[in-house]
Amino acid sequence: MLQAGKLDRQITIQSVTDSKGTVGAPKETYANWLTVWAQVIPANVMERYRNRQTVTVEDLVFRIRWEDGLTTRHRIVHDSENYEILSVREINRREGWEILARLVK
């Protein structure tokens, strides 16, 4: 059961819209879809070497109350950072969502 006292961080979930850029190339844009209270749980932090530089990859688990329509095509904005949603898992029977999301710095 999701306890209200643990839902102490406000996050914004954004939906993606496919559009075209100035030269006609496909471009993804995001718009705010929903702002909710969440429990934020650190899951994993690692450093990787990419394109001759070290990047930090941070995974967080967000637990929120149930909302219809949430998918991995959405993204989460938390503390002014954009997190890509890797997976969404139903908690109990439509009680809430457990969302695994990744920030790459």
Protein backbone atom coordinates (compact mmCIF):
# COMPACT_ATOMS: atom_id res chain seq x y z
CA MET A 1 0.00 0.00 0.00
CA LEU A 2 1.27 3.47 -0.86
CA GLN A 3 1.51 5.57 2.29
CA ALA A 4 0.76 9.26 1.81
CA GLY A 5 3.62 10.29 4.11
CA LYS A 6 6.18 8.66 1.81
CA LEU A 7 4.91 10.52 -1.27
CA ASP A 8 6.95 13.59 -0.39
CA ARG A 9 8.45 14.71 -3.72
CA GLN A 10 6.57 16.46 -6.47
CA ILE A 11 7.38 15.30 -10.00
CA THR A 12 6.06 16.18 -13.43
CA ILE A 13 5.35 13.52 -16.01
CA GLN A 14 5.65 14.71 -19.58
CA SER A 15 4.20 13.21 -22.74
CA VAL A 16 6.02 13.12 -26.05
CA THR A 17 4.73 14.54 -29.31
CA ASP A 18 6.33 13.73 -32.63
CA SER A 19 6.73 16.82 -34.79
CA LYS A 20 9.01 18.15 -37.50
CA GLY A 21 11.95 20.46 -36.99
CA THR A 22 12.76 23.53 -39.06
CA VAL A 23 14.25 21.47 -41.91
CA GLY A 24 11.50 18.83 -41.82
CA ALA A 25 13.43 16.25 -39.81
CA PRO A 26 11.48 14.31 -37.15
CA LYS A 27 11.71 15.88 -33.70
CA GLU A 28 10.35 14.83 -30.31
CA THR A 29 8.92 17.55 -28.09
CA TYR A 30 7.57 17.15 -24.57
CA ALA A 31 4.62 18.77 -22.83
CA ASN A 32 3.55 18.52 -19.19
CA TRP A 33 0.97 15.77 -18.79
CA LEU A 34 0.61 15.37 -15.03
CA THR A 35 2.13 16.68 -11.79
CA VAL A 36 1.96 14.22 -8.88
CA TRP A 37 3.46 13.42 -5.50
CA ALA A 38 5.97 10.57 -5.51
CA GLN A 39 8.25 8.52 -3.35
CA VAL A 40 11.78 8.65 -4.78
CA ILE A 41 14.14 5.74 -4.14
CA PRO A 42 17.76 5.68 -5.36
CA ALA A 43 18.33 2.52 -7.38
CA ASN A 44 21.76 2.70 -8.99
CA VAL A 45 24.54 5.14 -9.83
CA MET A 46 27.35 4.20 -12.18
CA GLU A 47 29.97 5.85 -14.31
CA ARG A 48 30.52 4.88 -17.92
CA TYR A 49 33.05 5.84 -20.50
CA ARG A 50 31.38 7.19 -23.64
CA ASN A 51 32.84 9.19 -26.52
CA ARG A 52 36.15 9.68 -24.72
CA GLN A 53 34.58 11.03 -21.56
CA THR A 54 33.13 9.70 -18.34
CA VAL A 55 29.36 10.06 -17.90
CA THR A 56 27.33 9.42 -14.77
CA VAL A 57 24.20 7.30 -15.10
CA GLU A 58 21.68 7.54 -12.24
CA ASP A 59 18.66 5.26 -11.90
CA LEU A 60 15.78 6.16 -9.58
CA VAL A 61 12.56 4.40 -8.69
CA PHE A 62 9.50 6.64 -8.49
CA ARG A 63 6.37 5.33 -6.77
CA ILE A 64 3.16 7.19 -7.54
CA ARG A 65 -0.57 6.63 -7.25
CA TRP A 66 -2.33 5.00 -10.21
CA GLU A 67 -2.91 7.07 -13.33
CA ASP A 68 -4.39 5.65 -16.53
CA GLY A 69 -2.25 5.94 -19.65
CA LEU A 70 1.28 5.99 -18.20
CA THR A 71 3.82 4.35 -20.55
CA THR A 72 7.56 4.25 -21.20
CA ARG A 73 7.04 6.94 -23.88
CA HIS A 74 6.58 9.48 -21.08
CA ARG A 75 9.45 11.05 -19.13
CA ILE A 76 9.79 12.43 -15.61
CA VAL A 77 11.07 15.83 -14.54
CA HIS A 78 12.47 15.74 -11.00
CA ASP A 79 14.68 18.45 -9.46
CA SER A 80 14.91 20.15 -12.89
CA GLU A 81 16.38 17.01 -14.47
CA ASN A 82 14.79 14.84 -17.19
CA TYR A 83 14.55 11.11 -16.51
CA GLU A 84 13.88 8.57 -19.25
CA ILE A 85 11.33 5.96 -18.14
CA LEU A 86 12.80 2.48 -18.54
CA SER A 87 9.91 0.46 -17.10
CA VAL A 88 6.55 0.83 -15.37
CA ARG A 89 5.20 -1.82 -13.03
CA GLU A 90 1.74 -1.92 -11.51
CA ILE A 91 1.61 -1.92 -7.69
CA ASN A 92 -1.12 -4.24 -6.41
CA ARG A 93 -4.31 -3.92 -8.42
CA ARG A 94 -4.26 -0.41 -9.88
CA GLU A 95 -3.07 1.08 -6.59
CA GLY A 96 -0.04 2.74 -8.07
CA TRP A 97 2.97 2.58 -10.35
CA GLU A 98 6.59 1.75 -9.65
CA ILE A 99 8.62 3.51 -12.33
CA LEU A 100 12.28 2.83 -13.05
CA ALA A 101 13.82 5.89 -14.69
CA ARG A 102 17.31 6.92 -15.79
CA LEU A 103 19.20 10.21 -15.83
CA VAL A 104 22.38 10.42 -17.90
CA LYS A 105 24.66 13.33 -17.12
